[in-house]
């Protein structure tokens, strides 16, 4: 990982983009990195577009604002490609990761001429197979960790398992499904 990276998440209320950004900040912090994870609040409701952010680095982070020129963009809901300018400010040397069942070739025309790396992952399929329901945030979280090379896979999975055990202490039955979604996402992001 380079010295500092900035990530912007685009999703819809209820899809877990905010939760994923906060989980990423938590696990990166547990490796000794400096982190920020925060949502941009407005009058959002379930299904409305939302934005969340991460800053991760190996030195203290002095910026305290939204992220306007991210290194990475994570699109949790591909329908936002038609209504939100998700590539705005995205650095050409960065990457965009999109939750879609479509091919990269079908998605590229929707990216307003973005010339950087484009990754796709079918987080819907992964979450339904692993969890029995559509919760795209775990697969998208694993995808950004892999693409941005934030930490190695084993370290990430160990930290996430500990986090899930704490978060789901009263619902331990969901831990295995979430862990399977993370592992599968690491293999299927392309």
N, C-alpha and C. Protein backbone atom coordinates (compact mmCIF):
# COMPACT_ATOMS: atom_id res chain seq x y z
N UNK A 1 0.84 -1.18 0.00
CA UNK A 1 0.00 0.00 0.00
C UNK A 1 0.89 1.24 0.00
N UNK A 2 0.49 2.24 -0.79
CA UNK A 2 1.26 3.48 -0.77
C UNK A 2 0.99 4.23 0.52
N UNK A 3 1.66 5.34 0.71
CA UNK A 3 1.63 6.06 1.97
C UNK A 3 0.21 6.37 2.47
N UNK A 4 -0.63 6.92 1.63
CA UNK A 4 -2.04 7.21 1.99
C UNK A 4 -2.92 6.85 0.82
N UNK A 5 -4.07 6.25 1.10
CA UNK A 5 -5.06 6.04 0.04
C UNK A 5 -6.39 6.61 0.50
N UNK A 6 -7.17 7.04 -0.48
CA UNK A 6 -8.51 7.57 -0.21
C UNK A 6 -9.51 6.78 -1.04
N UNK A 7 -10.61 6.41 -0.39
CA UNK A 7 -11.64 5.58 -1.02
C UNK A 7 -12.98 6.28 -0.86
N UNK A 8 -13.75 6.32 -1.95
CA UNK A 8 -15.11 6.86 -1.90
C UNK A 8 -16.06 5.71 -2.23
N UNK A 9 -17.06 5.52 -1.41
CA UNK A 9 -18.08 4.49 -1.58
C UNK A 9 -19.37 5.13 -2.07
N UNK A 10 -20.01 4.50 -3.08
CA UNK A 10 -21.33 4.92 -3.54
C UNK A 10 -22.28 3.74 -3.38
N UNK A 11 -23.38 3.97 -2.71
CA UNK A 11 -24.37 2.91 -2.53
C UNK A 11 -25.74 3.53 -2.33
N UNK A 12 -26.64 2.70 -1.91
CA UNK A 12 -27.99 3.16 -1.56
C UNK A 12 -28.22 2.84 -0.09
N UNK A 13 -29.01 3.68 0.56
CA UNK A 13 -29.32 3.46 1.97
C UNK A 13 -29.83 2.05 2.20
N UNK A 14 -29.22 1.35 3.15
CA UNK A 14 -29.64 -0.01 3.48
C UNK A 14 -28.78 -1.09 2.85
N UNK A 15 -27.86 -0.73 1.96
CA UNK A 15 -27.00 -1.73 1.32
C UNK A 15 -25.70 -1.97 2.07
N UNK A 16 -25.41 -1.16 3.06
CA UNK A 16 -24.24 -1.39 3.89
C UNK A 16 -22.96 -0.70 3.47
N UNK A 17 -23.03 0.30 2.59
CA UNK A 17 -21.82 1.01 2.18
C UNK A 17 -21.19 1.72 3.39
N UNK A 18 -22.01 2.37 4.20
CA UNK A 18 -21.50 3.05 5.39
C UNK A 18 -20.87 2.04 6.34
N UNK A 19 -21.55 0.93 6.57
CA UNK A 19 -21.02 -0.11 7.46
C UNK A 19 -19.71 -0.67 6.95
N UNK A 20 -19.63 -0.90 5.64
CA UNK A 20 -18.39 -1.42 5.05
C UNK A 20 -17.24 -0.44 5.24
N UNK A 21 -17.49 0.85 5.04
CA UNK A 21 -16.45 1.86 5.23
C UNK A 21 -15.98 1.89 6.68
N UNK A 22 -16.90 1.77 7.61
CA UNK A 22 -16.53 1.77 9.02
C UNK A 22 -15.79 0.49 9.40
N UNK A 23 -16.21 -0.66 8.85
CA UNK A 23 -15.49 -1.91 9.10
C UNK A 23 -14.07 -1.86 8.55
N UNK A 24 -13.92 -1.29 7.35
CA UNK A 24 -12.59 -1.17 6.76
C UNK A 24 -11.69 -0.32 7.65
N UNK A 25 -12.22 0.79 8.14
CA UNK A 25 -11.44 1.64 9.04
C UNK A 25 -11.04 0.88 10.29
N UNK A 26 -11.96 0.10 10.82
CA UNK A 26 -11.71 -0.67 12.05
C UNK A 26 -10.60 -1.70 11.84
N UNK A 27 -10.68 -2.49 10.77
CA UNK A 27 -9.66 -3.53 10.58
C UNK A 27 -8.31 -2.92 10.22
N UNK A 28 -8.30 -1.84 9.44
CA UNK A 28 -7.03 -1.18 9.11
C UNK A 28 -6.40 -0.59 10.37
N UNK A 29 -7.21 -0.02 11.25
CA UNK A 29 -6.72 0.52 12.52
C UNK A 29 -6.07 -0.58 13.35
N UNK A 30 -6.68 -1.75 13.33
CA UNK A 30 -6.15 -2.87 14.12
C UNK A 30 -4.82 -3.40 13.60
N UNK A 31 -4.39 -2.95 12.42
CA UNK A 31 -3.07 -3.32 11.91
C UNK A 31 -2.06 -2.23 12.19
N UNK A 32 -2.48 -1.15 12.86
CA UNK A 32 -1.57 -0.07 13.20
C UNK A 32 -1.61 1.09 12.22
N UNK A 33 -2.50 1.03 11.23
CA UNK A 33 -2.60 2.14 10.27
C UNK A 33 -3.42 3.28 10.87
N UNK A 34 -3.22 4.45 10.30
CA UNK A 34 -4.04 5.61 10.63
C UNK A 34 -5.25 5.56 9.70
N UNK A 35 -6.43 5.86 10.25
CA UNK A 35 -7.64 5.67 9.44
C UNK A 35 -8.68 6.76 9.69
N UNK A 36 -9.55 6.89 8.70
CA UNK A 36 -10.81 7.61 8.84
C UNK A 36 -11.85 6.80 8.08
N UNK A 37 -13.02 6.71 8.62
CA UNK A 37 -14.15 6.08 7.94
C UNK A 37 -15.39 6.85 8.35
N UNK A 38 -16.09 7.42 7.36
CA UNK A 38 -17.23 8.25 7.71
C UNK A 38 -18.21 8.35 6.54
N UNK A 39 -19.49 8.50 6.86
CA UNK A 39 -20.49 8.69 5.80
C UNK A 39 -20.75 10.18 5.58
N UNK A 40 -21.33 10.49 4.44
CA UNK A 40 -21.81 11.84 4.17
C UNK A 40 -23.31 11.80 4.40
N UNK A 41 -23.75 12.54 5.38
CA UNK A 41 -25.17 12.49 5.72
C UNK A 41 -25.95 13.59 5.05
N UNK A 42 -27.15 13.27 4.74
CA UNK A 42 -28.12 14.21 4.19
C UNK A 42 -29.49 13.65 4.54
N UNK A 43 -30.49 13.97 3.76
CA UNK A 43 -31.83 13.49 4.07
C UNK A 43 -32.09 12.08 3.52
N UNK A 44 -31.04 11.24 3.44
CA UNK A 44 -31.19 9.92 2.83
C UNK A 44 -32.18 9.05 3.59
N UNK A 45 -32.81 8.20 2.81
CA UNK A 45 -33.70 7.18 3.35
C UNK A 45 -33.33 5.88 2.68
N UNK A 46 -33.95 4.81 3.13
CA UNK A 46 -33.71 3.50 2.54
C UNK A 46 -33.85 3.59 1.02
N UNK A 47 -32.81 3.18 0.31
CA UNK A 47 -32.83 3.18 -1.15
C UNK A 47 -32.30 4.45 -1.80
N UNK A 48 -32.12 5.52 -1.03
CA UNK A 48 -31.59 6.77 -1.60
C UNK A 48 -30.07 6.67 -1.74
N UNK A 49 -29.48 7.35 -2.72
CA UNK A 49 -28.02 7.32 -2.88
C UNK A 49 -27.30 7.87 -1.64
N UNK A 50 -26.24 7.19 -1.22
CA UNK A 50 -25.42 7.64 -0.10
C UNK A 50 -23.95 7.56 -0.51
N UNK A 51 -23.12 8.29 0.22
CA UNK A 51 -21.68 8.28 -0.01
C UNK A 51 -20.99 8.07 1.33
N UNK A 52 -19.94 7.27 1.31
CA UNK A 52 -19.12 7.06 2.51
C UNK A 52 -17.66 7.14 2.07
N UNK A 53 -16.77 7.33 3.04
CA UNK A 53 -15.37 7.59 2.71
C UNK A 53 -14.43 6.84 3.64
N UNK A 54 -13.23 6.56 3.12
CA UNK A 54 -12.12 6.04 3.93
C UNK A 54 -10.84 6.77 3.55
N UNK A 55 -10.06 7.05 4.55
CA UNK A 55 -8.66 7.45 4.38
C UNK A 55 -7.86 6.46 5.20
N UNK A 56 -6.80 5.91 4.60
CA UNK A 56 -5.97 4.92 5.28
C UNK A 56 -4.52 5.24 4.95
N UNK A 57 -3.68 5.25 5.97
CA UNK A 57 -2.28 5.54 5.72
C UNK A 57 -1.37 5.08 6.83
N UNK A 58 -0.08 5.21 6.58
CA UNK A 58 0.89 4.80 7.59
C UNK A 58 1.48 5.98 8.36
N UNK A 59 0.94 7.17 8.12
CA UNK A 59 1.30 8.37 8.88
C UNK A 59 0.00 9.08 9.27
N UNK A 60 0.06 9.95 10.27
CA UNK A 60 -1.17 10.64 10.69
C UNK A 60 -1.88 11.34 9.53
N UNK A 61 -3.20 11.33 9.59
CA UNK A 61 -4.04 11.93 8.55
C UNK A 61 -4.50 13.29 9.06
N UNK A 62 -4.18 14.31 8.32
CA UNK A 62 -4.50 15.69 8.74
C UNK A 62 -5.78 16.22 8.08
N UNK A 63 -6.18 15.65 6.96
CA UNK A 63 -7.37 16.13 6.24
C UNK A 63 -8.63 15.69 6.98
N UNK A 64 -9.59 16.58 7.04
CA UNK A 64 -10.88 16.28 7.67
C UNK A 64 -11.99 16.86 6.80
N UNK A 65 -12.15 16.26 5.63
CA UNK A 65 -13.18 16.71 4.68
C UNK A 65 -13.63 15.51 3.87
N UNK A 66 -14.65 15.73 3.06
CA UNK A 66 -15.03 14.68 2.12
C UNK A 66 -13.86 14.43 1.17
N UNK A 67 -13.94 13.38 0.41
CA UNK A 67 -12.87 13.03 -0.52
C UNK A 67 -13.33 13.37 -1.93
N UNK A 68 -12.57 14.26 -2.57
CA UNK A 68 -12.94 14.74 -3.90
C UNK A 68 -12.10 14.14 -5.01
N UNK A 69 -10.92 13.65 -4.68
CA UNK A 69 -10.05 13.01 -5.68
C UNK A 69 -9.58 11.65 -5.14
N UNK A 70 -10.50 10.68 -5.09
CA UNK A 70 -10.16 9.39 -4.49
C UNK A 70 -9.19 8.58 -5.35
N UNK A 71 -8.48 7.68 -4.67
CA UNK A 71 -7.65 6.71 -5.36
C UNK A 71 -8.52 5.55 -5.86
N UNK A 72 -9.55 5.24 -5.09
CA UNK A 72 -10.44 4.12 -5.41
C UNK A 72 -11.88 4.54 -5.19
N UNK A 73 -12.76 4.04 -6.05
CA UNK A 73 -14.20 4.22 -5.89
C UNK A 73 -14.84 2.85 -5.86
N UNK A 74 -15.75 2.65 -4.91
CA UNK A 74 -16.50 1.40 -4.78
C UNK A 74 -17.96 1.72 -5.06
N UNK A 75 -18.53 1.05 -6.06
CA UNK A 75 -19.93 1.26 -6.41
C UNK A 75 -20.71 0.02 -5.99
N UNK A 76 -21.49 0.16 -4.93
CA UNK A 76 -22.22 -0.97 -4.35
C UNK A 76 -23.48 -1.28 -5.15
N UNK A 77 -24.02 -0.30 -5.84
CA UNK A 77 -25.24 -0.48 -6.63
C UNK A 77 -25.02 0.06 -8.03
N UNK A 78 -24.98 -0.83 -9.03
CA UNK A 78 -24.65 -0.42 -10.39
C UNK A 78 -25.67 0.54 -11.00
N UNK A 79 -26.90 0.61 -10.47
CA UNK A 79 -27.87 1.54 -11.03
C UNK A 79 -27.43 2.99 -10.80
N UNK A 80 -26.53 3.21 -9.86
CA UNK A 80 -26.02 4.56 -9.61
C UNK A 80 -25.16 5.06 -10.77
N UNK A 81 -24.67 4.15 -11.61
CA UNK A 81 -23.87 4.57 -12.77
C UNK A 81 -24.68 5.45 -13.71
N UNK A 82 -26.01 5.34 -13.65
CA UNK A 82 -26.89 6.11 -14.53
C UNK A 82 -27.29 7.46 -13.92
N UNK A 83 -27.11 7.62 -12.59
CA UNK A 83 -27.61 8.83 -11.94
C UNK A 83 -26.58 9.62 -11.16
N UNK A 84 -25.46 9.00 -10.80
CA UNK A 84 -24.43 9.66 -9.99
C UNK A 84 -23.12 9.62 -10.78
N UNK A 85 -22.40 10.73 -10.78
CA UNK A 85 -21.11 10.78 -11.49
C UNK A 85 -20.04 10.13 -10.59
N UNK A 86 -20.05 8.79 -10.56
CA UNK A 86 -19.19 8.05 -9.62
C UNK A 86 -17.70 8.20 -9.92
N UNK A 87 -17.34 8.52 -11.15
CA UNK A 87 -15.91 8.66 -11.50
C UNK A 87 -15.39 10.08 -11.29
N UNK A 88 -16.23 10.99 -10.86
CA UNK A 88 -15.81 12.38 -10.67
C UNK A 88 -14.60 12.44 -9.72
N UNK A 89 -13.51 13.01 -10.21
CA UNK A 89 -12.30 13.18 -9.41
C UNK A 89 -11.46 11.94 -9.24
N UNK A 90 -11.93 10.79 -9.71
CA UNK A 90 -11.19 9.53 -9.53
C UNK A 90 -9.87 9.59 -10.29
N UNK A 91 -8.79 9.35 -9.58
CA UNK A 91 -7.45 9.43 -10.18
C UNK A 91 -7.28 8.35 -11.25
N UNK A 92 -6.70 8.70 -12.40
CA UNK A 92 -6.51 7.72 -13.47
C UNK A 92 -5.63 6.54 -13.06
N UNK A 93 -4.73 6.77 -12.12
CA UNK A 93 -3.89 5.67 -11.65
C UNK A 93 -4.57 4.83 -10.57
N UNK A 94 -5.79 5.21 -10.23
CA UNK A 94 -6.58 4.48 -9.24
C UNK A 94 -7.39 3.38 -9.89
N UNK A 95 -8.55 3.10 -9.31
CA UNK A 95 -9.42 2.05 -9.85
C UNK A 95 -10.84 2.24 -9.34
N UNK A 96 -11.78 1.70 -10.11
CA UNK A 96 -13.18 1.66 -9.70
C UNK A 96 -13.59 0.19 -9.60
N UNK A 97 -14.35 -0.14 -8.57
CA UNK A 97 -14.82 -1.50 -8.33
C UNK A 97 -16.34 -1.44 -8.32
N UNK A 98 -16.97 -2.21 -9.19
CA UNK A 98 -18.41 -2.11 -9.38
C UNK A 98 -19.09 -3.44 -9.11
N UNK A 99 -20.14 -3.41 -8.33
CA UNK A 99 -20.98 -4.57 -8.08
C UNK A 99 -21.91 -4.74 -9.28
N UNK A 100 -21.63 -5.73 -10.11
CA UNK A 100 -22.45 -5.96 -11.30
C UNK A 100 -22.27 -7.39 -11.79
N UNK A 101 -23.26 -7.87 -12.49
CA UNK A 101 -23.13 -9.17 -13.16
C UNK A 101 -22.72 -8.96 -14.62
N UNK A 102 -22.66 -7.70 -15.05
CA UNK A 102 -22.27 -7.38 -16.42
C UNK A 102 -20.75 -7.48 -16.58
N UNK A 103 -20.33 -7.59 -17.83
CA UNK A 103 -18.90 -7.63 -18.10
C UNK A 103 -18.31 -6.22 -17.98
N UNK A 104 -17.01 -6.17 -17.80
CA UNK A 104 -16.32 -4.89 -17.73
C UNK A 104 -16.54 -4.11 -19.03
N UNK A 105 -16.55 -4.79 -20.15
CA UNK A 105 -16.74 -4.14 -21.45
C UNK A 105 -18.11 -3.46 -21.55
N UNK A 106 -19.13 -4.04 -20.91
CA UNK A 106 -20.46 -3.44 -20.92
C UNK A 106 -20.55 -2.23 -19.98
N UNK A 107 -19.72 -2.22 -18.94
CA UNK A 107 -19.76 -1.16 -17.93
C UNK A 107 -18.96 0.07 -18.35
N UNK A 108 -17.85 -0.12 -19.02
CA UNK A 108 -16.93 0.98 -19.36
C UNK A 108 -17.64 2.17 -20.03
N UNK A 109 -18.58 1.96 -20.98
CA UNK A 109 -19.25 3.12 -21.59
C UNK A 109 -20.05 3.98 -20.59
N UNK A 110 -20.34 3.45 -19.41
CA UNK A 110 -21.11 4.20 -18.41
C UNK A 110 -20.22 5.01 -17.46
N UNK A 111 -18.90 4.99 -17.69
CA UNK A 111 -17.96 5.58 -16.75
C UNK A 111 -17.42 6.95 -17.17
N UNK A 112 -18.12 7.65 -18.01
CA UNK A 112 -17.78 9.03 -18.39
C UNK A 112 -16.34 9.19 -18.86
N UNK A 113 -15.85 8.22 -19.62
CA UNK A 113 -14.51 8.33 -20.18
C UNK A 113 -13.39 7.99 -19.23
N UNK A 114 -13.69 7.45 -18.05
CA UNK A 114 -12.64 7.09 -17.09
C UNK A 114 -11.69 6.09 -17.74
N UNK A 115 -10.38 6.38 -17.65
CA UNK A 115 -9.38 5.57 -18.35
C UNK A 115 -8.57 4.67 -17.42
N UNK A 116 -8.87 4.67 -16.14
CA UNK A 116 -8.12 3.85 -15.19
C UNK A 116 -8.61 2.42 -15.15
N UNK A 117 -8.15 1.70 -14.15
CA UNK A 117 -8.52 0.29 -14.00
C UNK A 117 -9.98 0.15 -13.57
N UNK A 118 -10.64 -0.85 -14.13
CA UNK A 118 -12.04 -1.13 -13.81
C UNK A 118 -12.14 -2.58 -13.37
N UNK A 119 -12.71 -2.79 -12.18
CA UNK A 119 -12.92 -4.13 -11.65
C UNK A 119 -14.40 -4.36 -11.45
N UNK A 120 -14.83 -5.60 -11.66
CA UNK A 120 -16.22 -5.95 -11.42
C UNK A 120 -16.28 -7.16 -10.49
N UNK A 121 -17.40 -7.24 -9.79
CA UNK A 121 -17.66 -8.38 -8.92
C UNK A 121 -19.17 -8.50 -8.79
N UNK A 122 -19.67 -9.71 -8.82
CA UNK A 122 -21.11 -9.93 -8.66
C UNK A 122 -21.40 -10.18 -7.18
N UNK A 123 -21.47 -9.09 -6.42
CA UNK A 123 -21.69 -9.18 -4.97
C UNK A 123 -23.08 -9.71 -4.65
N UNK A 124 -24.04 -9.50 -5.56
CA UNK A 124 -25.39 -10.04 -5.33
C UNK A 124 -25.32 -11.57 -5.30
N UNK A 125 -24.72 -12.14 -6.31
CA UNK A 125 -24.61 -13.61 -6.40
C UNK A 125 -23.85 -14.16 -5.20
N UNK A 126 -22.73 -13.54 -4.87
CA UNK A 126 -21.91 -14.02 -3.75
C UNK A 126 -22.68 -13.96 -2.44
N UNK A 127 -23.34 -12.83 -2.17
CA UNK A 127 -24.04 -12.71 -0.89
C UNK A 127 -25.24 -13.64 -0.80
N UNK A 128 -25.95 -13.84 -1.90
CA UNK A 128 -27.09 -14.77 -1.85
C UNK A 128 -26.61 -16.20 -1.64
N UNK A 129 -25.51 -16.58 -2.31
CA UNK A 129 -24.97 -17.93 -2.11
C UNK A 129 -24.43 -18.12 -0.69
N UNK A 130 -23.74 -17.11 -0.16
CA UNK A 130 -23.09 -17.26 1.15
C UNK A 130 -24.01 -16.96 2.32
N UNK A 131 -24.96 -16.03 2.13
CA UNK A 131 -25.80 -15.57 3.25
C UNK A 131 -27.28 -15.89 3.09
N UNK A 132 -27.68 -16.23 1.87
CA UNK A 132 -29.09 -16.49 1.63
C UNK A 132 -29.91 -15.22 1.44
N UNK A 133 -29.27 -14.06 1.50
CA UNK A 133 -29.92 -12.76 1.33
C UNK A 133 -28.97 -11.83 0.61
N UNK A 134 -29.51 -10.71 0.13
CA UNK A 134 -28.69 -9.74 -0.59
C UNK A 134 -28.13 -8.70 0.36
N UNK A 135 -26.87 -8.92 0.76
CA UNK A 135 -26.10 -7.97 1.56
C UNK A 135 -24.76 -7.80 0.85
N UNK A 136 -24.66 -6.80 -0.03
CA UNK A 136 -23.45 -6.68 -0.85
C UNK A 136 -22.23 -6.12 -0.14
N UNK A 137 -22.37 -5.62 1.07
CA UNK A 137 -21.24 -4.92 1.67
C UNK A 137 -20.04 -5.81 1.99
N UNK A 138 -20.25 -7.03 2.45
CA UNK A 138 -19.09 -7.90 2.74
C UNK A 138 -18.29 -8.22 1.48
N UNK A 139 -18.93 -8.66 0.39
CA UNK A 139 -18.13 -8.90 -0.82
C UNK A 139 -17.43 -7.64 -1.34
N UNK A 140 -18.08 -6.50 -1.27
CA UNK A 140 -17.47 -5.26 -1.76
C UNK A 140 -16.29 -4.84 -0.88
N UNK A 141 -16.41 -5.08 0.41
CA UNK A 141 -15.32 -4.78 1.34
C UNK A 141 -14.08 -5.62 0.99
N UNK A 142 -14.27 -6.91 0.78
CA UNK A 142 -13.15 -7.78 0.41
C UNK A 142 -12.56 -7.36 -0.93
N UNK A 143 -13.40 -6.98 -1.86
CA UNK A 143 -12.92 -6.58 -3.20
C UNK A 143 -12.02 -5.35 -3.11
N UNK A 144 -12.40 -4.34 -2.33
CA UNK A 144 -11.57 -3.14 -2.24
C UNK A 144 -10.27 -3.42 -1.49
N UNK A 145 -10.30 -4.28 -0.49
CA UNK A 145 -9.07 -4.64 0.22
C UNK A 145 -8.09 -5.31 -0.74
N UNK A 146 -8.61 -6.19 -1.61
CA UNK A 146 -7.74 -6.86 -2.57
C UNK A 146 -7.21 -5.89 -3.62
N UNK A 147 -8.10 -5.14 -4.24
CA UNK A 147 -7.71 -4.25 -5.34
C UNK A 147 -6.76 -3.15 -4.85
N UNK A 148 -7.04 -2.56 -3.69
CA UNK A 148 -6.21 -1.47 -3.17
C UNK A 148 -4.98 -1.98 -2.42
N UNK A 149 -4.89 -3.28 -2.26
CA UNK A 149 -3.75 -3.91 -1.56
C UNK A 149 -3.55 -3.28 -0.18
N UNK A 150 -4.65 -3.16 0.56
CA UNK A 150 -4.62 -2.53 1.88
C UNK A 150 -3.89 -3.41 2.89
N UNK A 151 -4.12 -4.71 2.80
CA UNK A 151 -3.44 -5.67 3.67
C UNK A 151 -3.55 -7.04 3.01
N UNK A 152 -2.78 -8.00 3.51
CA UNK A 152 -2.85 -9.32 2.88
C UNK A 152 -4.14 -10.03 3.26
N UNK A 153 -4.51 -10.98 2.45
CA UNK A 153 -5.79 -11.67 2.59
C UNK A 153 -5.95 -12.33 3.96
N UNK A 154 -4.95 -13.08 4.42
CA UNK A 154 -5.07 -13.81 5.68
C UNK A 154 -5.24 -12.86 6.86
N UNK A 155 -4.46 -11.79 6.88
CA UNK A 155 -4.57 -10.81 7.95
C UNK A 155 -5.97 -10.18 7.94
N UNK A 156 -6.45 -9.82 6.77
CA UNK A 156 -7.78 -9.24 6.63
C UNK A 156 -8.86 -10.20 7.13
N UNK A 157 -8.81 -11.45 6.69
CA UNK A 157 -9.83 -12.43 7.09
C UNK A 157 -9.81 -12.67 8.60
N UNK A 158 -8.62 -12.76 9.20
CA UNK A 158 -8.53 -12.96 10.65
C UNK A 158 -9.13 -11.78 11.40
N UNK A 159 -8.81 -10.57 10.97
CA UNK A 159 -9.36 -9.38 11.62
C UNK A 159 -10.87 -9.26 11.43
N UNK A 160 -11.34 -9.61 10.24
CA UNK A 160 -12.79 -9.55 9.99
C UNK A 160 -13.53 -10.59 10.82
N UNK A 161 -12.96 -11.77 10.96
CA UNK A 161 -13.62 -12.80 11.78
C UNK A 161 -13.75 -12.31 13.22
N UNK A 162 -12.70 -11.71 13.76
CA UNK A 162 -12.76 -11.16 15.12
C UNK A 162 -13.81 -10.05 15.21
N UNK A 163 -13.85 -9.20 14.18
CA UNK A 163 -14.83 -8.11 14.17
C UNK A 163 -16.26 -8.66 14.11
N UNK A 164 -16.48 -9.64 13.24
CA UNK A 164 -17.82 -10.24 13.12
C UNK A 164 -18.22 -10.94 14.43
N UNK A 165 -17.28 -11.60 15.09
CA UNK A 165 -17.61 -12.27 16.35
C UNK A 165 -18.06 -11.26 17.39
N UNK A 166 -17.45 -10.09 17.37
CA UNK A 166 -17.87 -9.04 18.29
C UNK A 166 -19.21 -8.44 17.86
N UNK A 167 -19.31 -8.08 16.59
CA UNK A 167 -20.51 -7.42 16.06
C UNK A 167 -21.74 -8.33 16.14
N UNK A 168 -21.54 -9.62 15.84
CA UNK A 168 -22.66 -10.56 15.80
C UNK A 168 -22.65 -11.53 16.98
N UNK A 169 -22.23 -11.05 18.14
CA UNK A 169 -22.16 -11.91 19.33
C UNK A 169 -23.51 -12.57 19.64
N UNK A 170 -24.59 -11.87 19.35
CA UNK A 170 -25.92 -12.43 19.63
C UNK A 170 -26.51 -13.16 18.43
N UNK A 171 -25.80 -13.13 17.29
CA UNK A 171 -26.25 -13.83 16.08
C UNK A 171 -25.07 -14.58 15.45
N UNK A 172 -24.45 -15.50 16.18
CA UNK A 172 -23.24 -16.16 15.67
C UNK A 172 -23.48 -16.94 14.38
N UNK A 173 -24.72 -17.25 14.07
CA UNK A 173 -25.02 -18.02 12.85
C UNK A 173 -24.71 -17.25 11.57
N UNK A 174 -24.58 -15.93 11.64
CA UNK A 174 -24.30 -15.14 10.43
C UNK A 174 -22.80 -14.97 10.17
N UNK A 175 -21.97 -15.34 11.14
CA UNK A 175 -20.52 -15.16 10.99
C UNK A 175 -19.98 -16.01 9.85
N UNK A 176 -20.32 -17.27 9.81
CA UNK A 176 -19.79 -18.16 8.77
C UNK A 176 -20.17 -17.69 7.37
N UNK A 177 -21.42 -17.28 7.19
CA UNK A 177 -21.86 -16.80 5.88
C UNK A 177 -21.10 -15.56 5.44
N UNK A 178 -20.90 -14.62 6.37
CA UNK A 178 -20.14 -13.41 6.04
C UNK A 178 -18.69 -13.73 5.71
N UNK A 179 -18.10 -14.66 6.45
CA UNK A 179 -16.71 -15.05 6.17
C UNK A 179 -16.62 -15.71 4.79
N UNK A 180 -17.61 -16.55 4.47
CA UNK A 180 -17.61 -17.18 3.14
C UNK A 180 -17.75 -16.14 2.03
N UNK A 181 -18.58 -15.12 2.28
CA UNK A 181 -18.75 -14.05 1.28
C UNK A 181 -17.43 -13.30 1.07
N UNK A 182 -16.70 -13.03 2.14
CA UNK A 182 -15.41 -12.35 2.02
C UNK A 182 -14.42 -13.18 1.21
N UNK A 183 -14.31 -14.46 1.55
CA UNK A 183 -13.37 -15.35 0.86
C UNK A 183 -13.70 -15.48 -0.61
N UNK A 184 -14.97 -15.66 -0.91
CA UNK A 184 -15.41 -15.80 -2.30
C UNK A 184 -15.13 -14.53 -3.10
N UNK A 185 -15.35 -13.38 -2.48
CA UNK A 185 -15.12 -12.10 -3.15
C UNK A 185 -13.65 -11.93 -3.51
N UNK A 186 -12.77 -12.35 -2.64
CA UNK A 186 -11.33 -12.25 -2.93
C UNK A 186 -10.99 -13.02 -4.21
N UNK A 187 -11.69 -14.14 -4.42
CA UNK A 187 -11.41 -14.98 -5.59
C UNK A 187 -12.11 -14.46 -6.85
N UNK A 188 -13.25 -13.81 -6.69
CA UNK A 188 -14.08 -13.49 -7.87
C UNK A 188 -13.97 -12.07 -8.40
N UNK A 189 -13.32 -11.17 -7.69
CA UNK A 189 -13.19 -9.81 -8.22
C UNK A 189 -12.27 -9.89 -9.45
N UNK A 190 -12.73 -9.24 -10.54
CA UNK A 190 -11.93 -9.32 -11.78
C UNK A 190 -11.88 -7.97 -12.48
